[in-house]
Amino acid sequence: MDKEMLEALRAMFKEELKAELEPIKADIKEIKNKMDSVYDQTADLTEFRTETKQGISDIQRNLNTMELVTSKNWNDIAQLKSIK
């Protein structure tokens, strides 16, 4: 009799445990999906950051070149004015 009662309790407990685990499993699956989204967004943002840094470097280089050319032009203008 005790054995039958233990088996019945074990079966009940197993069913209750299974019922409680289902929502937890669903939550874990949802979290995994969200983590995949986070990984994808992180990859996109990393690529964007790299492209932005490269763009800023290009702009700085172009600005330095423009300053050098402007400086040379001012020197040329000063020389032309002194010739007058």
N, C-alpha and C. Protein backbone atom coordinates (compact mmCIF):
# COMPACT_ATOMS: atom_id res chain seq x y z
N MET A 1 0.82 -1.19 0.00
CA MET A 1 0.00 0.00 0.00
C MET A 1 0.87 1.26 0.00
N ASP A 2 1.89 1.25 0.85
CA ASP A 2 2.79 2.41 0.88
C ASP A 2 3.48 2.61 -0.47
N LYS A 3 3.82 1.51 -1.10
CA LYS A 3 4.48 1.59 -2.39
C LYS A 3 3.55 2.20 -3.43
N GLU A 4 2.28 1.81 -3.41
CA GLU A 4 1.31 2.36 -4.35
C GLU A 4 1.10 3.85 -4.11
N MET A 5 1.06 4.21 -2.83
CA MET A 5 0.86 5.62 -2.48
C MET A 5 2.07 6.45 -2.93
N LEU A 6 3.26 5.90 -2.71
CA LEU A 6 4.48 6.60 -3.14
C LEU A 6 4.50 6.77 -4.66
N GLU A 7 4.11 5.74 -5.38
CA GLU A 7 4.06 5.83 -6.84
C GLU A 7 3.05 6.88 -7.29
N ALA A 8 1.90 6.92 -6.63
CA ALA A 8 0.87 7.91 -6.96
C ALA A 8 1.38 9.32 -6.68
N LEU A 9 2.02 9.50 -5.54
CA LEU A 9 2.59 10.81 -5.18
C LEU A 9 3.69 11.21 -6.17
N ARG A 10 4.52 10.25 -6.52
CA ARG A 10 5.61 10.52 -7.47
C ARG A 10 5.04 10.95 -8.82
N ALA A 11 4.01 10.25 -9.28
CA ALA A 11 3.39 10.59 -10.56
C ALA A 11 2.76 11.99 -10.49
N MET A 12 2.09 12.30 -9.37
CA MET A 12 1.49 13.62 -9.20
C MET A 12 2.56 14.71 -9.20
N PHE A 13 3.61 14.45 -8.45
CA PHE A 13 4.70 15.42 -8.35
C PHE A 13 5.34 15.63 -9.72
N LYS A 14 5.52 14.54 -10.45
CA LYS A 14 6.14 14.62 -11.77
C LYS A 14 5.28 15.47 -12.71
N GLU A 15 3.97 15.28 -12.68
CA GLU A 15 3.07 16.06 -13.53
C GLU A 15 3.09 17.53 -13.14
N GLU A 16 3.07 17.81 -11.83
CA GLU A 16 3.11 19.20 -11.37
C GLU A 16 4.42 19.86 -11.77
N LEU A 17 5.49 19.12 -11.60
CA LEU A 17 6.81 19.64 -11.96
C LEU A 17 6.87 19.93 -13.46
N LYS A 18 6.34 19.01 -14.25
CA LYS A 18 6.33 19.19 -15.70
C LYS A 18 5.51 20.42 -16.08
N ALA A 19 4.37 20.60 -15.43
CA ALA A 19 3.51 21.75 -15.72
C ALA A 19 4.20 23.06 -15.35
N GLU A 20 4.96 23.04 -14.27
CA GLU A 20 5.66 24.26 -13.85
C GLU A 20 6.89 24.54 -14.71
N LEU A 21 7.47 23.50 -15.26
CA LEU A 21 8.67 23.69 -16.09
C LEU A 21 8.36 24.22 -17.48
N GLU A 22 7.18 23.95 -18.00
CA GLU A 22 6.83 24.39 -19.35
C GLU A 22 6.96 25.91 -19.52
N PRO A 23 6.37 26.73 -18.63
CA PRO A 23 6.54 28.18 -18.79
C PRO A 23 8.00 28.62 -18.67
N ILE A 24 8.74 27.93 -17.82
CA ILE A 24 10.16 28.27 -17.64
C ILE A 24 10.92 27.98 -18.94
N LYS A 25 10.62 26.84 -19.55
CA LYS A 25 11.27 26.51 -20.82
C LYS A 25 10.91 27.53 -21.90
N ALA A 26 9.65 27.95 -21.91
CA ALA A 26 9.22 28.95 -22.89
C ALA A 26 9.95 30.27 -22.66
N ASP A 27 10.11 30.64 -21.39
CA ASP A 27 10.83 31.88 -21.07
C ASP A 27 12.29 31.79 -21.51
N ILE A 28 12.90 30.65 -21.28
CA ILE A 28 14.30 30.46 -21.69
C ILE A 28 14.44 30.58 -23.21
N LYS A 29 13.48 29.99 -23.92
CA LYS A 29 13.52 30.07 -25.39
C LYS A 29 13.38 31.52 -25.84
N GLU A 30 12.49 32.27 -25.19
CA GLU A 30 12.30 33.68 -25.52
C GLU A 30 13.57 34.48 -25.24
N ILE A 31 14.20 34.19 -24.11
CA ILE A 31 15.45 34.88 -23.75
C ILE A 31 16.53 34.58 -24.78
N LYS A 32 16.62 33.33 -25.22
CA LYS A 32 17.61 32.97 -26.24
C LYS A 32 17.37 33.74 -27.53
N ASN A 33 16.10 33.86 -27.93
CA ASN A 33 15.78 34.62 -29.14
C ASN A 33 16.17 36.08 -28.99
N LYS A 34 15.90 36.63 -27.81
CA LYS A 34 16.27 38.03 -27.57
C LYS A 34 17.79 38.19 -27.58
N MET A 35 18.50 37.23 -27.02
CA MET A 35 19.97 37.30 -27.02
C MET A 35 20.51 37.26 -28.45
N ASP A 36 19.90 36.44 -29.30
CA ASP A 36 20.31 36.41 -30.70
C ASP A 36 20.13 37.78 -31.33
N SER A 37 19.02 38.44 -31.01
CA SER A 37 18.79 39.79 -31.53
C SER A 37 19.84 40.76 -31.02
N VAL A 38 20.19 40.63 -29.74
CA VAL A 38 21.22 41.50 -29.15
C VAL A 38 22.56 41.27 -29.85
N TYR A 39 22.92 40.02 -30.10
CA TYR A 39 24.17 39.73 -30.81
C TYR A 39 24.17 40.36 -32.20
N ASP A 40 23.06 40.23 -32.91
CA ASP A 40 22.97 40.82 -34.25
C ASP A 40 23.10 42.33 -34.20
N GLN A 41 22.41 42.96 -33.25
CA GLN A 41 22.48 44.41 -33.14
C GLN A 41 23.89 44.86 -32.75
N THR A 42 24.53 44.09 -31.88
CA THR A 42 25.90 44.43 -31.46
C THR A 42 26.84 44.36 -32.66
N ALA A 43 26.67 43.34 -33.49
CA ALA A 43 27.51 43.22 -34.69
C ALA A 43 27.28 44.41 -35.62
N ASP A 44 26.02 44.78 -35.81
CA ASP A 44 25.71 45.94 -36.66
C ASP A 44 26.31 47.22 -36.10
N LEU A 45 26.19 47.41 -34.79
CA LEU A 45 26.72 48.62 -34.17
C LEU A 45 28.25 48.66 -34.23
N THR A 46 28.88 47.51 -34.09
CA THR A 46 30.34 47.44 -34.18
C THR A 46 30.79 47.83 -35.58
N GLU A 47 30.09 47.31 -36.58
CA GLU A 47 30.42 47.65 -37.96
C GLU A 47 30.19 49.15 -38.21
N PHE A 48 29.09 49.68 -37.71
CA PHE A 48 28.79 51.11 -37.86
C PHE A 48 29.87 51.95 -37.20
N ARG A 49 30.31 51.54 -36.01
CA ARG A 49 31.36 52.27 -35.28
C ARG A 49 32.66 52.29 -36.09
N THR A 50 33.01 51.15 -36.65
CA THR A 50 34.24 51.06 -37.45
C THR A 50 34.15 51.97 -38.67
N GLU A 51 33.01 51.92 -39.36
CA GLU A 51 32.83 52.77 -40.54
C GLU A 51 32.85 54.25 -40.17
N THR A 52 32.25 54.59 -39.04
CA THR A 52 32.21 55.99 -38.59
C THR A 52 33.61 56.48 -38.25
N LYS A 53 34.38 55.65 -37.53
CA LYS A 53 35.74 56.04 -37.19
C LYS A 53 36.58 56.25 -38.45
N GLN A 54 36.40 55.37 -39.44
CA GLN A 54 37.14 55.52 -40.69
C GLN A 54 36.73 56.80 -41.40
N GLY A 55 35.44 57.09 -41.39
CA GLY A 55 34.95 58.32 -42.03
C GLY A 55 35.51 59.55 -41.36
N ILE A 56 35.56 59.55 -40.04
CA ILE A 56 36.11 60.69 -39.30
C ILE A 56 37.60 60.85 -39.61
N SER A 57 38.32 59.75 -39.70
CA SER A 57 39.75 59.82 -40.05
C SER A 57 39.93 60.42 -41.44
N ASP A 58 39.08 60.00 -42.37
CA ASP A 58 39.16 60.55 -43.73
C ASP A 58 38.88 62.05 -43.73
N ILE A 59 37.88 62.47 -42.97
CA ILE A 59 37.55 63.90 -42.88
C ILE A 59 38.71 64.68 -42.28
N GLN A 60 39.34 64.14 -41.23
CA GLN A 60 40.49 64.82 -40.61
C GLN A 60 41.64 64.95 -41.60
N ARG A 61 41.90 63.88 -42.36
CA ARG A 61 42.97 63.93 -43.36
C ARG A 61 42.67 64.98 -44.43
N ASN A 62 41.43 64.99 -44.90
CA ASN A 62 41.04 65.98 -45.92
C ASN A 62 41.14 67.40 -45.38
N LEU A 63 40.75 67.59 -44.13
CA LEU A 63 40.82 68.92 -43.51
C LEU A 63 42.28 69.36 -43.38
N ASN A 64 43.16 68.46 -42.99
CA ASN A 64 44.59 68.80 -42.89
C ASN A 64 45.15 69.18 -44.26
N THR A 65 44.76 68.42 -45.29
CA THR A 65 45.21 68.74 -46.65
C THR A 65 44.70 70.10 -47.08
N MET A 66 43.44 70.37 -46.77
CA MET A 66 42.84 71.66 -47.14
C MET A 66 43.56 72.81 -46.42
N GLU A 67 43.92 72.62 -45.16
CA GLU A 67 44.64 73.66 -44.42
C GLU A 67 46.01 73.91 -45.04
N LEU A 68 46.70 72.84 -45.46
CA LEU A 68 48.00 73.01 -46.10
C LEU A 68 47.88 73.76 -47.42
N VAL A 69 46.89 73.39 -48.22
CA VAL A 69 46.68 74.06 -49.51
C VAL A 69 46.32 75.52 -49.28
N THR A 70 45.46 75.79 -48.29
CA THR A 70 45.06 77.17 -47.99
C THR A 70 46.28 77.98 -47.55
N SER A 71 47.12 77.37 -46.75
CA SER A 71 48.34 78.06 -46.29
C SER A 71 49.23 78.40 -47.48
N LYS A 72 49.41 77.45 -48.39
CA LYS A 72 50.23 77.70 -49.57
C LYS A 72 49.61 78.82 -50.42
N ASN A 73 48.28 78.79 -50.56
CA ASN A 73 47.60 79.83 -51.34
C ASN A 73 47.81 81.21 -50.71
N TRP A 74 47.74 81.29 -49.39
CA TRP A 74 47.97 82.57 -48.71
C TRP A 74 49.39 83.06 -48.96
N ASN A 75 50.34 82.14 -48.94
CA ASN A 75 51.73 82.51 -49.24
C ASN A 75 51.85 83.03 -50.67
N ASP A 76 51.20 82.33 -51.60
CA ASP A 76 51.24 82.78 -53.00
C ASP A 76 50.59 84.16 -53.14
N ILE A 77 49.48 84.38 -52.46
CA ILE A 77 48.79 85.68 -52.51
C ILE A 77 49.69 86.77 -51.94
N ALA A 78 50.36 86.47 -50.83
CA ALA A 78 51.25 87.46 -50.22
C ALA A 78 52.40 87.79 -51.17
N GLN A 79 52.95 86.80 -51.85
CA GLN A 79 54.03 87.04 -52.81
C GLN A 79 53.54 87.89 -53.98
N LEU A 80 52.36 87.59 -54.47
CA LEU A 80 51.80 88.36 -55.59
C LEU A 80 51.55 89.81 -55.17
N LYS A 81 51.07 90.01 -53.95
CA LYS A 81 50.83 91.38 -53.47
C LYS A 81 52.14 92.14 -53.31
N SER A 82 53.19 91.45 -52.91
CA SER A 82 54.47 92.13 -52.69
C SER A 82 55.11 92.54 -54.01
N ILE A 83 54.76 91.85 -55.09
CA ILE A 83 55.31 92.18 -56.40
C ILE A 83 54.76 93.50 -56.91
N LYS A 84 53.55 93.84 -56.59
CA LYS A 84 52.91 95.07 -57.05
C LYS A 84 53.75 96.24 -56.79
